[in-house]
Amino acid sequence: MKTVLISGANRGIGLETAKKFSQQGYRVFLGSKNYENGLHVTEELKNSGYLKIIPISLDTHDQTIIDQTFEFITQYTPSLEVLINNAEICGQQSQSPTILDMDNIKEIYETNLFGSMRLTKTMIPLLRKSPDPRIVNVSRN
């Protein structure tokens, strides 16, 4: 069975993507920073006929959690066909360069850039075991 891991999948584009992959017969690992939110969304999806969706706690800021995600996925499958880096934050927008908050900028980069890089690097061994792997990086800007 083909598998997909989607970060930030408990709402918005990630959630809609999870639905589409589920309809196509994929096993979907629905990653969300807050596991309870992901579990709630997964239950709603299953009640609506979306099958093979597995909630997973996934915080791309934390390498330990990403490593746990890797180990969790390997309990279900030896490979990963698709990785969708969807988790992102907008931070405080419309900042003038004269009042720019560097901590805000660092948080945005930590999530949107480095988080995706950490997740991708960790999942590469599973992706390499797929005959046709894909990595998709979602950006709203």
Foldseek 3Di string as FASTA:
>chain_A
DAEEEEAPLLDDPNVVVLQVVLVVPYQYEREYQDQVSQVVSVVVCVVVPRPNYHYANDDLLDLVSLLVVLVVVVVPDQAHAEYELDDFDDFDPPDDPVPDDVVSVVVRCSRQPVSLVSNCVNRVSRNVVDPHHYYHYDDDD
